[in-house]
C-alpha cells in the first residue's frame, strides 16, 4: 500500500508570534485612524468631488485607502482585535469630512491640516517607540515611516490649498485636533 503525501500549506499569519502589547496597540489604533481618514476623505469627496479640489482630495483619499488596506492586512496577520469603536469612527469620519466640506474648500483643507498634524505627531511617537525596541519589526517600521511621510504631504497640500484662510481656522483646527487625540486614546484601549 502506497502512501500519498499531501503538502501542508501554512499561512504566513500563523507563523507570526503573538504581537507584543505595544505592537497590538499600534496596529489597533492605526487601523482605526486609517479607517477614519478614509471616511473623512469620502465625506469630502461626496461634497467637493466635482469641484476644482476634487482631484486633490481624490489623490489623498487614494493614499488613505491604501493605508487602510495595509492595516487591515496587519490586523489579520497579527490577529489584533480591532477597536469596538469602528462603526462610530466610520460615521464620525464621514460626518467630519462632509461637514467641513460643506463649509467650503478651505474649511475642508483646514480639517485635513488638523487631522494630519495629529497623525504625523502620532506616527512619530510610534516610530520612536519601535526604534527603541532591539527586536524592532522592520516591516511595521517601514510601513509607518512611509505612511507618516504621506500624511505630512497631505498636511502640506492642505496648507498650500488655503487651509489657513478658512473662517475660524484656529478654533476649527483646535477642535478637530482635540477630537483626533481623543479618538487615538480611545482606540488604543477599546
N, C-alpha and C. Protein backbone atom coordinates (compact mmCIF):
# COMPACT_ATOMS: atom_id res chain seq x y z
N UNK A 1 0.84 -1.16 0.00
CA UNK A 1 0.00 0.00 0.00
C UNK A 1 0.90 1.24 0.00
N UNK A 2 0.67 2.11 -0.96
CA UNK A 2 1.49 3.31 -1.04
C UNK A 2 0.81 4.48 -0.31
N UNK A 3 1.63 5.30 0.22
CA UNK A 3 1.11 6.47 0.93
C UNK A 3 1.18 7.69 0.02
N UNK A 4 0.15 8.47 0.11
CA UNK A 4 0.12 9.71 -0.65
C UNK A 4 0.53 10.84 0.29
N UNK A 5 1.49 11.59 -0.14
CA UNK A 5 1.93 12.73 0.66
C UNK A 5 1.17 13.96 0.22
N UNK A 6 0.55 14.59 1.17
CA UNK A 6 -0.20 15.81 0.89
C UNK A 6 0.61 16.99 1.44
N UNK A 7 0.90 17.96 0.57
CA UNK A 7 1.67 19.11 1.08
C UNK A 7 0.84 19.91 2.08
N UNK A 8 1.51 20.38 3.08
CA UNK A 8 0.86 21.20 4.09
C UNK A 8 1.17 22.66 3.77
N UNK A 9 0.13 23.43 3.65
CA UNK A 9 0.29 24.85 3.37
C UNK A 9 0.00 25.60 4.66
N UNK A 10 0.97 26.38 5.07
CA UNK A 10 0.83 27.15 6.31
C UNK A 10 0.74 28.63 5.95
N UNK A 11 -0.30 29.25 6.42
CA UNK A 11 -0.48 30.68 6.20
C UNK A 11 0.59 31.44 6.95
N UNK A 12 1.10 32.50 6.35
CA UNK A 12 2.13 33.32 6.98
C UNK A 12 1.65 33.90 8.31
N UNK A 13 0.40 34.25 8.40
CA UNK A 13 -0.09 34.89 9.62
C UNK A 13 0.02 33.97 10.82
N UNK A 14 -0.06 32.67 10.61
CA UNK A 14 0.04 31.75 11.74
C UNK A 14 1.48 31.53 12.15
N UNK A 15 2.41 31.95 11.31
CA UNK A 15 3.82 31.82 11.66
C UNK A 15 4.26 32.94 12.59
N UNK A 16 3.53 34.06 12.55
CA UNK A 16 3.86 35.18 13.43
C UNK A 16 3.56 34.83 14.87
N UNK A 17 4.46 35.23 15.73
CA UNK A 17 4.15 35.06 17.14
C UNK A 17 3.12 36.12 17.54
N UNK A 18 2.52 35.90 18.64
CA UNK A 18 1.54 36.85 19.16
C UNK A 18 2.24 38.20 19.33
N UNK A 19 1.63 39.29 18.88
CA UNK A 19 2.31 40.58 18.99
C UNK A 19 2.47 41.01 20.45
N UNK A 20 3.48 41.81 20.67
CA UNK A 20 3.67 42.40 21.99
C UNK A 20 2.50 43.35 22.26
N UNK A 21 2.28 43.71 23.51
CA UNK A 21 1.21 44.69 23.78
C UNK A 21 1.40 46.00 23.01
N UNK A 22 2.65 46.43 22.83
CA UNK A 22 2.91 47.66 22.09
C UNK A 22 2.48 47.51 20.62
N UNK A 23 2.88 46.41 19.98
CA UNK A 23 2.52 46.18 18.58
C UNK A 23 1.00 46.03 18.45
N UNK A 24 0.39 45.33 19.38
CA UNK A 24 -1.06 45.16 19.38
C UNK A 24 -1.75 46.52 19.40
N UNK A 25 -1.31 47.39 20.29
CA UNK A 25 -1.90 48.72 20.41
C UNK A 25 -1.65 49.56 19.16
N UNK A 26 -0.43 49.52 18.63
CA UNK A 26 -0.08 50.29 17.43
C UNK A 26 -0.97 49.88 16.26
N UNK A 27 -1.09 48.60 16.03
CA UNK A 27 -1.89 48.14 14.89
C UNK A 27 -3.36 48.48 15.09
N UNK A 28 -3.88 48.29 16.29
CA UNK A 28 -5.30 48.59 16.55
C UNK A 28 -5.60 50.07 16.29
N UNK A 29 -4.79 50.96 16.88
CA UNK A 29 -5.07 52.39 16.77
C UNK A 29 -4.81 52.90 15.35
N UNK A 30 -3.79 52.38 14.69
CA UNK A 30 -3.52 52.84 13.33
C UNK A 30 -4.58 52.35 12.35
N UNK A 31 -5.07 51.15 12.56
CA UNK A 31 -6.18 50.65 11.74
C UNK A 31 -7.39 51.57 11.90
N UNK A 32 -7.71 51.92 13.14
CA UNK A 32 -8.84 52.82 13.40
C UNK A 32 -8.61 54.18 12.77
N UNK A 33 -7.40 54.69 12.89
CA UNK A 33 -7.09 56.01 12.33
C UNK A 33 -7.17 56.04 10.83
N UNK A 34 -6.69 55.00 10.19
CA UNK A 34 -6.74 54.97 8.72
C UNK A 34 -8.17 54.76 8.23
N UNK A 35 -8.97 54.04 8.98
CA UNK A 35 -10.40 53.95 8.67
C UNK A 35 -11.02 55.34 8.74
N UNK A 36 -10.74 56.06 9.83
CA UNK A 36 -11.29 57.40 10.00
C UNK A 36 -10.86 58.33 8.88
N UNK A 37 -9.59 58.28 8.51
CA UNK A 37 -9.09 59.13 7.43
C UNK A 37 -9.76 58.80 6.09
N UNK A 38 -9.90 57.52 5.82
CA UNK A 38 -10.60 57.08 4.61
C UNK A 38 -12.00 57.68 4.57
N UNK A 39 -12.70 57.62 5.68
CA UNK A 39 -14.07 58.12 5.74
C UNK A 39 -14.13 59.65 5.67
N UNK A 40 -13.13 60.35 6.25
CA UNK A 40 -13.09 61.82 6.14
C UNK A 40 -12.99 62.22 4.67
N UNK A 41 -12.07 61.59 3.93
CA UNK A 41 -11.92 61.94 2.52
C UNK A 41 -13.13 61.51 1.71
N UNK A 42 -13.78 60.42 2.09
CA UNK A 42 -15.02 60.03 1.41
C UNK A 42 -16.08 61.11 1.60
N UNK A 43 -16.18 61.66 2.80
CA UNK A 43 -17.13 62.75 3.06
C UNK A 43 -16.78 64.00 2.28
N UNK A 44 -15.50 64.32 2.20
CA UNK A 44 -15.08 65.49 1.43
C UNK A 44 -15.39 65.30 -0.06
N UNK A 45 -15.14 64.10 -0.54
CA UNK A 45 -15.42 63.83 -1.97
C UNK A 45 -16.91 63.87 -2.26
N UNK A 46 -17.74 63.45 -1.32
CA UNK A 46 -19.19 63.48 -1.53
C UNK A 46 -19.67 64.91 -1.76
N UNK A 47 -19.00 65.86 -1.13
CA UNK A 47 -19.41 67.26 -1.25
C UNK A 47 -18.61 68.00 -2.32
N UNK A 48 -17.31 67.77 -2.38
CA UNK A 48 -16.43 68.55 -3.25
C UNK A 48 -15.86 67.78 -4.43
N UNK A 49 -16.31 66.57 -4.64
CA UNK A 49 -15.74 65.72 -5.69
C UNK A 49 -15.78 66.32 -7.08
N UNK A 50 -16.78 67.13 -7.37
CA UNK A 50 -16.90 67.74 -8.70
C UNK A 50 -16.34 69.15 -8.76
N UNK A 51 -15.71 69.60 -7.67
CA UNK A 51 -15.12 70.95 -7.65
C UNK A 51 -13.68 70.88 -8.14
N UNK A 52 -13.04 72.04 -8.20
CA UNK A 52 -11.63 72.05 -8.62
C UNK A 52 -10.73 71.33 -7.61
N UNK A 53 -11.22 71.17 -6.36
CA UNK A 53 -10.45 70.45 -5.34
C UNK A 53 -10.60 68.93 -5.47
N UNK A 54 -11.55 68.49 -6.27
CA UNK A 54 -11.83 67.06 -6.40
C UNK A 54 -10.60 66.20 -6.66
N UNK A 55 -9.80 66.52 -7.69
CA UNK A 55 -8.62 65.68 -7.97
C UNK A 55 -7.61 65.66 -6.81
N UNK A 56 -7.45 66.78 -6.12
CA UNK A 56 -6.52 66.84 -4.99
C UNK A 56 -7.02 65.94 -3.85
N UNK A 57 -8.29 66.07 -3.54
CA UNK A 57 -8.87 65.24 -2.48
C UNK A 57 -8.82 63.77 -2.88
N UNK A 58 -9.12 63.48 -4.14
CA UNK A 58 -9.10 62.09 -4.62
C UNK A 58 -7.71 61.47 -4.45
N UNK A 59 -6.66 62.25 -4.77
CA UNK A 59 -5.29 61.75 -4.62
C UNK A 59 -5.01 61.37 -3.15
N UNK A 60 -5.38 62.28 -2.24
CA UNK A 60 -5.14 61.99 -0.82
C UNK A 60 -5.99 60.80 -0.37
N UNK A 61 -7.23 60.74 -0.85
CA UNK A 61 -8.12 59.64 -0.48
C UNK A 61 -7.55 58.31 -0.96
N UNK A 62 -7.02 58.28 -2.19
CA UNK A 62 -6.44 57.03 -2.71
C UNK A 62 -5.31 56.54 -1.81
N UNK A 63 -4.48 57.45 -1.33
CA UNK A 63 -3.41 57.05 -0.42
C UNK A 63 -3.98 56.53 0.89
N UNK A 64 -5.01 57.20 1.41
CA UNK A 64 -5.62 56.75 2.66
C UNK A 64 -6.27 55.37 2.51
N UNK A 65 -6.86 55.12 1.36
CA UNK A 65 -7.44 53.78 1.12
C UNK A 65 -6.36 52.72 1.14
N UNK A 66 -5.19 53.04 0.59
CA UNK A 66 -4.08 52.09 0.63
C UNK A 66 -3.59 51.89 2.06
N UNK A 67 -3.53 52.96 2.84
CA UNK A 67 -3.14 52.84 4.26
C UNK A 67 -4.12 51.92 5.00
N UNK A 68 -5.38 52.15 4.76
CA UNK A 68 -6.41 51.33 5.43
C UNK A 68 -6.27 49.86 5.03
N UNK A 69 -6.08 49.61 3.74
CA UNK A 69 -5.92 48.21 3.27
C UNK A 69 -4.72 47.54 3.95
N UNK A 70 -3.63 48.27 4.07
CA UNK A 70 -2.43 47.69 4.69
C UNK A 70 -2.69 47.35 6.15
N UNK A 71 -3.36 48.24 6.88
CA UNK A 71 -3.62 47.94 8.29
C UNK A 71 -4.67 46.86 8.45
N UNK A 72 -5.55 46.68 7.47
CA UNK A 72 -6.47 45.55 7.52
C UNK A 72 -5.72 44.24 7.35
N UNK A 73 -4.70 44.24 6.51
CA UNK A 73 -3.84 43.06 6.37
C UNK A 73 -3.10 42.80 7.69
N UNK A 74 -2.53 43.85 8.27
CA UNK A 74 -1.76 43.67 9.51
C UNK A 74 -2.64 43.24 10.67
N UNK A 75 -3.85 43.76 10.73
CA UNK A 75 -4.74 43.40 11.84
C UNK A 75 -5.08 41.91 11.77
N UNK A 76 -5.19 41.38 10.55
CA UNK A 76 -5.45 39.94 10.37
C UNK A 76 -4.17 39.13 10.57
N UNK A 77 -3.08 39.60 10.01
CA UNK A 77 -1.82 38.87 10.10
C UNK A 77 -1.36 38.71 11.56
N UNK A 78 -1.52 39.74 12.35
CA UNK A 78 -1.09 39.71 13.74
C UNK A 78 -2.21 39.30 14.70
N UNK A 79 -3.38 39.05 14.14
CA UNK A 79 -4.55 38.65 14.93
C UNK A 79 -4.85 39.66 16.04
N UNK A 80 -4.86 40.94 15.66
CA UNK A 80 -5.16 42.02 16.59
C UNK A 80 -6.65 42.31 16.54
N UNK A 81 -7.24 42.47 17.69
CA UNK A 81 -8.66 42.80 17.77
C UNK A 81 -8.84 44.27 17.38
N UNK A 82 -9.71 44.55 16.41
CA UNK A 82 -9.97 45.96 16.07
C UNK A 82 -10.69 46.66 17.21
N UNK A 83 -10.64 47.96 17.20
CA UNK A 83 -11.35 48.71 18.22
C UNK A 83 -12.86 48.49 18.08
N UNK A 84 -13.54 48.46 19.20
CA UNK A 84 -15.00 48.33 19.17
C UNK A 84 -15.65 49.60 18.65
N UNK A 85 -14.86 50.66 18.53
CA UNK A 85 -15.37 51.95 18.06
C UNK A 85 -15.44 52.05 16.54
N UNK A 86 -15.04 51.01 15.83
CA UNK A 86 -15.00 51.05 14.37
C UNK A 86 -16.29 51.59 13.74
N UNK A 87 -17.47 51.10 14.13
CA UNK A 87 -18.69 51.65 13.49
C UNK A 87 -18.86 53.15 13.75
N UNK A 88 -18.51 53.59 14.95
CA UNK A 88 -18.63 55.01 15.27
C UNK A 88 -17.63 55.83 14.46
N UNK A 89 -16.35 55.38 14.38
CA UNK A 89 -15.35 56.12 13.62
C UNK A 89 -15.74 56.20 12.15
N UNK A 90 -16.39 55.16 11.64
CA UNK A 90 -16.85 55.14 10.25
C UNK A 90 -17.81 56.31 10.00
N UNK A 91 -18.80 56.44 10.86
CA UNK A 91 -19.82 57.50 10.71
C UNK A 91 -19.22 58.87 11.04
N UNK A 92 -18.49 58.95 12.14
CA UNK A 92 -17.92 60.23 12.58
C UNK A 92 -16.94 60.78 11.54
N UNK A 93 -16.12 59.91 10.95
CA UNK A 93 -15.17 60.35 9.94
C UNK A 93 -15.87 60.95 8.73
N UNK A 94 -16.89 60.24 8.24
CA UNK A 94 -17.62 60.74 7.08
C UNK A 94 -18.29 62.07 7.42
N UNK A 95 -18.91 62.16 8.59
CA UNK A 95 -19.60 63.40 9.00
C UNK A 95 -18.61 64.56 9.11
N UNK A 96 -17.43 64.31 9.66
CA UNK A 96 -16.42 65.36 9.76
C UNK A 96 -15.97 65.83 8.38
N UNK A 97 -15.70 64.89 7.50
CA UNK A 97 -15.27 65.25 6.14
C UNK A 97 -16.34 66.01 5.38
N UNK A 98 -17.56 65.50 5.40
CA UNK A 98 -18.66 66.16 4.67
C UNK A 98 -19.00 67.49 5.33
N UNK A 99 -19.03 67.51 6.66
CA UNK A 99 -19.39 68.74 7.38
C UNK A 99 -18.43 69.88 7.11
N UNK A 100 -17.13 69.59 7.15
CA UNK A 100 -16.17 70.66 6.88
C UNK A 100 -16.19 71.05 5.40
N UNK A 101 -16.42 70.09 4.52
CA UNK A 101 -16.51 70.40 3.08
C UNK A 101 -17.71 71.29 2.79
N UNK A 102 -18.81 71.09 3.53
CA UNK A 102 -19.98 71.95 3.35
C UNK A 102 -19.68 73.40 3.74
N UNK A 103 -18.68 73.60 4.59
CA UNK A 103 -18.25 74.95 4.96
C UNK A 103 -17.37 75.58 3.89
N UNK A 104 -16.94 74.78 2.92
CA UNK A 104 -16.12 75.28 1.82
C UNK A 104 -14.80 74.53 1.69
N UNK A 105 -14.15 74.77 0.56
CA UNK A 105 -12.90 74.09 0.26
C UNK A 105 -11.82 74.38 1.30
N UNK A 106 -11.73 75.63 1.73
CA UNK A 106 -10.68 75.98 2.70
C UNK A 106 -10.94 75.32 4.05
N UNK A 107 -12.20 75.21 4.45
CA UNK A 107 -12.52 74.52 5.70
C UNK A 107 -12.20 73.03 5.59
N UNK A 108 -12.46 72.43 4.42
CA UNK A 108 -12.11 71.03 4.21
C UNK A 108 -10.60 70.85 4.33
N UNK A 109 -9.84 71.79 3.78
CA UNK A 109 -8.39 71.71 3.87
C UNK A 109 -7.92 71.98 5.30
N UNK A 110 -8.64 72.83 6.04
CA UNK A 110 -8.31 73.06 7.45
C UNK A 110 -8.50 71.76 8.23
N UNK A 111 -9.54 71.02 7.91
CA UNK A 111 -9.77 69.70 8.52
C UNK A 111 -8.59 68.78 8.21
N UNK A 112 -8.16 68.76 6.97
CA UNK A 112 -7.03 67.93 6.57
C UNK A 112 -5.78 68.31 7.36
N UNK A 113 -5.50 69.60 7.46
CA UNK A 113 -4.32 70.06 8.20
C UNK A 113 -4.40 69.63 9.66
N UNK A 114 -5.55 69.81 10.28
CA UNK A 114 -5.70 69.45 11.69
C UNK A 114 -5.49 67.95 11.91
N UNK A 115 -6.17 67.14 11.12
CA UNK A 115 -6.06 65.69 11.26
C UNK A 115 -4.64 65.24 11.01
N UNK A 116 -4.05 65.70 9.94
CA UNK A 116 -2.71 65.23 9.58
C UNK A 116 -1.65 65.72 10.55
N UNK A 117 -1.84 66.88 11.17
CA UNK A 117 -0.90 67.35 12.20
C UNK A 117 -0.84 66.34 13.34
N UNK A 118 -2.02 65.92 13.80
CA UNK A 118 -2.09 64.96 14.90
C UNK A 118 -1.52 63.61 14.48
N UNK A 119 -1.85 63.18 13.28
CA UNK A 119 -1.41 61.86 12.82
C UNK A 119 0.10 61.81 12.62
N UNK A 120 0.68 62.86 12.05
CA UNK A 120 2.14 62.88 11.88
C UNK A 120 2.83 62.81 13.25
N UNK A 121 2.35 63.58 14.21
CA UNK A 121 2.92 63.52 15.56
C UNK A 121 2.74 62.12 16.16
N UNK A 122 1.57 61.55 15.96
CA UNK A 122 1.26 60.21 16.48
C UNK A 122 2.20 59.16 15.85
N UNK A 123 2.35 59.21 14.53
CA UNK A 123 3.25 58.27 13.87
C UNK A 123 4.70 58.47 14.33
N UNK A 124 5.12 59.72 14.52
CA UNK A 124 6.48 59.97 15.02
C UNK A 124 6.68 59.36 16.40
N UNK A 125 5.68 59.48 17.27
CA UNK A 125 5.77 58.86 18.60
C UNK A 125 5.91 57.34 18.47
N UNK A 126 5.12 56.75 17.58
CA UNK A 126 5.20 55.30 17.38
C UNK A 126 6.56 54.89 16.82
N UNK A 127 7.09 55.67 15.90
CA UNK A 127 8.40 55.34 15.34
C UNK A 127 9.48 55.37 16.42
N UNK A 128 9.40 56.34 17.32
CA UNK A 128 10.36 56.38 18.44
C UNK A 128 10.23 55.13 19.31
N UNK A 129 8.98 54.73 19.59
CA UNK A 129 8.75 53.53 20.40
C UNK A 129 9.34 52.30 19.70
N UNK A 130 9.07 52.17 18.42
CA UNK A 130 9.53 50.99 17.68
C UNK A 130 11.06 50.95 17.60
N UNK A 131 11.68 52.09 17.37
CA UNK A 131 13.14 52.11 17.24
C UNK A 131 13.83 51.84 18.56
N UNK A 132 13.14 52.03 19.67
CA UNK A 132 13.73 51.72 20.98
C UNK A 132 13.74 50.22 21.26
N UNK A 133 13.02 49.46 20.46
CA UNK A 133 12.94 48.01 20.63
C UNK A 133 14.07 47.35 19.85
N UNK A 134 14.96 46.61 20.52
CA UNK A 134 16.07 45.97 19.80
C UNK A 134 15.60 44.93 18.78
N UNK A 135 14.40 44.40 18.97
CA UNK A 135 13.85 43.41 18.04
C UNK A 135 12.76 44.06 17.18
N UNK A 136 13.02 45.27 16.74
CA UNK A 136 12.01 46.04 16.02
C UNK A 136 11.49 45.27 14.80
N UNK A 137 10.20 45.37 14.58
CA UNK A 137 9.56 44.78 13.40
C UNK A 137 9.84 45.73 12.23
N UNK A 138 10.78 45.33 11.38
CA UNK A 138 11.23 46.20 10.28
C UNK A 138 10.11 46.52 9.29
N UNK A 139 9.25 45.55 9.03
CA UNK A 139 8.15 45.79 8.09
C UNK A 139 7.19 46.85 8.64
N UNK A 140 6.84 46.74 9.90
CA UNK A 140 5.95 47.72 10.52
C UNK A 140 6.63 49.09 10.57
N UNK A 141 7.89 49.13 10.90
CA UNK A 141 8.65 50.37 10.93
C UNK A 141 8.63 51.06 9.56
N UNK A 142 8.88 50.29 8.51
CA UNK A 142 8.88 50.85 7.15
C UNK A 142 7.48 51.34 6.74
N UNK A 143 6.47 50.57 7.11
CA UNK A 143 5.09 50.95 6.78
C UNK A 143 4.72 52.27 7.44
N UNK A 144 4.98 52.38 8.72
CA UNK A 144 4.61 53.60 9.44
C UNK A 144 5.42 54.80 8.94
N UNK A 145 6.69 54.58 8.62
CA UNK A 145 7.51 55.67 8.08
C UNK A 145 6.94 56.17 6.76
N UNK A 146 6.60 55.26 5.88
CA UNK A 146 6.03 55.64 4.57
C UNK A 146 4.72 56.38 4.76
N UNK A 147 3.85 55.86 5.60
CA UNK A 147 2.54 56.48 5.80
C UNK A 147 2.69 57.85 6.48
N UNK A 148 3.62 57.96 7.42
CA UNK A 148 3.87 59.26 8.07
C UNK A 148 4.27 60.30 7.04
N UNK A 149 5.13 59.91 6.11
CA UNK A 149 5.57 60.84 5.07
C UNK A 149 4.41 61.26 4.16
N UNK A 150 3.53 60.33 3.85
CA UNK A 150 2.37 60.66 3.02
C UNK A 150 1.38 61.55 3.78
N UNK A 151 1.23 61.32 5.09
CA UNK A 151 0.35 62.17 5.89
C UNK A 151 0.92 63.59 5.96
N UNK A 152 2.23 63.71 6.05
CA UNK A 152 2.87 65.04 6.03
C UNK A 152 2.59 65.73 4.69
N UNK A 153 2.65 64.97 3.62
CA UNK A 153 2.33 65.51 2.29
C UNK A 153 0.89 66.04 2.26
N UNK A 154 -0.05 65.31 2.87
CA UNK A 154 -1.45 65.76 2.91
C UNK A 154 -1.55 67.07 3.70
N UNK A 155 -0.86 67.13 4.83
CA UNK A 155 -0.84 68.36 5.64
C UNK A 155 -0.36 69.53 4.78
N UNK A 156 0.77 69.34 4.11
CA UNK A 156 1.35 70.41 3.31
C UNK A 156 0.43 70.80 2.15
N UNK A 157 -0.25 69.84 1.56
CA UNK A 157 -1.22 70.12 0.50
C UNK A 157 -2.34 71.00 1.04
N UNK A 158 -2.83 70.66 2.23
CA UNK A 158 -3.88 71.47 2.85
C UNK A 158 -3.46 72.92 3.05
N UNK A 159 -2.25 73.11 3.54
CA UNK A 159 -1.72 74.47 3.72
C UNK A 159 -1.63 75.17 2.37
N UNK A 160 -1.07 74.48 1.37
CA UNK A 160 -0.92 75.07 0.03
C UNK A 160 -2.26 75.42 -0.60
N UNK A 161 -3.32 74.72 -0.20
CA UNK A 161 -4.66 74.94 -0.77
C UNK A 161 -5.49 75.94 0.05
N UNK A 162 -4.85 76.68 0.94
CA UNK A 162 -5.53 77.77 1.62
C UNK A 162 -6.22 77.43 2.93
N UNK A 163 -5.84 76.36 3.58
CA UNK A 163 -6.48 75.96 4.84
C UNK A 163 -6.49 77.09 5.86
N UNK A 164 -5.40 77.82 5.95
CA UNK A 164 -5.28 78.86 6.98
C UNK A 164 -6.20 80.06 6.72
N UNK A 165 -6.81 80.10 5.54
CA UNK A 165 -7.75 81.17 5.22
C UNK A 165 -9.20 80.78 5.51
N UNK A 166 -9.39 79.59 6.05
CA UNK A 166 -10.75 79.14 6.39
C UNK A 166 -11.31 80.00 7.51
N UNK A 167 -12.61 80.26 7.49
CA UNK A 167 -13.20 81.01 8.60
C UNK A 167 -12.98 80.25 9.92
N UNK A 168 -12.60 80.99 10.94
CA UNK A 168 -12.38 80.41 12.27
C UNK A 168 -11.36 79.27 12.23
N UNK A 169 -10.31 79.47 11.43
CA UNK A 169 -9.30 78.43 11.24
C UNK A 169 -8.77 77.88 12.56
N UNK A 170 -8.33 78.76 13.44
CA UNK A 170 -7.71 78.31 14.69
C UNK A 170 -8.70 77.49 15.52
N UNK A 171 -9.91 78.00 15.71
CA UNK A 171 -10.91 77.28 16.51
C UNK A 171 -11.28 75.95 15.86
N UNK A 172 -11.46 75.96 14.55
CA UNK A 172 -11.83 74.74 13.82
C UNK A 172 -10.75 73.69 13.95
N UNK A 173 -9.50 74.07 13.69
CA UNK A 173 -8.42 73.07 13.72
C UNK A 173 -8.15 72.58 15.14
N UNK A 174 -8.25 73.45 16.12
CA UNK A 174 -8.01 73.01 17.50
C UNK A 174 -9.09 72.03 17.95
N UNK A 175 -10.34 72.28 17.56
CA UNK A 175 -11.42 71.35 17.92
C UNK A 175 -11.21 69.99 17.25
N UNK A 176 -10.82 70.00 15.99
CA UNK A 176 -10.59 68.74 15.26
C UNK A 176 -9.39 68.00 15.85
N UNK A 177 -8.33 68.72 16.18
CA UNK A 177 -7.16 68.09 16.80
C UNK A 177 -7.53 67.42 18.12
N UNK A 178 -8.32 68.12 18.92
CA UNK A 178 -8.77 67.56 20.20
C UNK A 178 -9.56 66.27 19.97
N UNK A 179 -10.46 66.29 18.99
CA UNK A 179 -11.23 65.09 18.66
C UNK A 179 -10.36 63.94 18.20
N UNK A 180 -9.35 64.24 17.39
CA UNK A 180 -8.43 63.21 16.90
C UNK A 180 -7.62 62.60 18.04
N UNK A 181 -7.15 63.44 18.94
CA UNK A 181 -6.38 62.93 20.08
C UNK A 181 -7.25 62.05 20.97
N UNK A 182 -8.51 62.44 21.14
CA UNK A 182 -9.43 61.62 21.94
C UNK A 182 -9.68 60.29 21.24
N UNK A 183 -9.87 60.31 19.92
CA UNK A 183 -10.11 59.08 19.17
C UNK A 183 -8.91 58.13 19.28
N UNK A 184 -7.71 58.68 19.25
CA UNK A 184 -6.50 57.85 19.39
C UNK A 184 -6.48 57.20 20.78
N UNK A 185 -6.71 58.00 21.80
CA UNK A 185 -6.67 57.48 23.18
C UNK A 185 -7.71 56.38 23.38
N UNK A 186 -8.90 56.59 22.86
CA UNK A 186 -9.98 55.60 23.00
C UNK A 186 -9.64 54.33 22.22
N UNK A 187 -9.17 54.49 20.99
CA UNK A 187 -8.90 53.33 20.12
C UNK A 187 -7.73 52.48 20.63
N UNK A 188 -6.84 53.06 21.40
CA UNK A 188 -5.73 52.29 21.96
C UNK A 188 -6.23 51.22 22.90
N UNK A 189 -7.31 51.50 23.57
CA UNK A 189 -7.75 50.62 24.66
C UNK A 189 -9.00 49.80 24.38
N UNK A 190 -9.94 50.32 23.61
CA UNK A 190 -11.22 49.57 23.44
C UNK A 190 -11.44 49.14 22.01
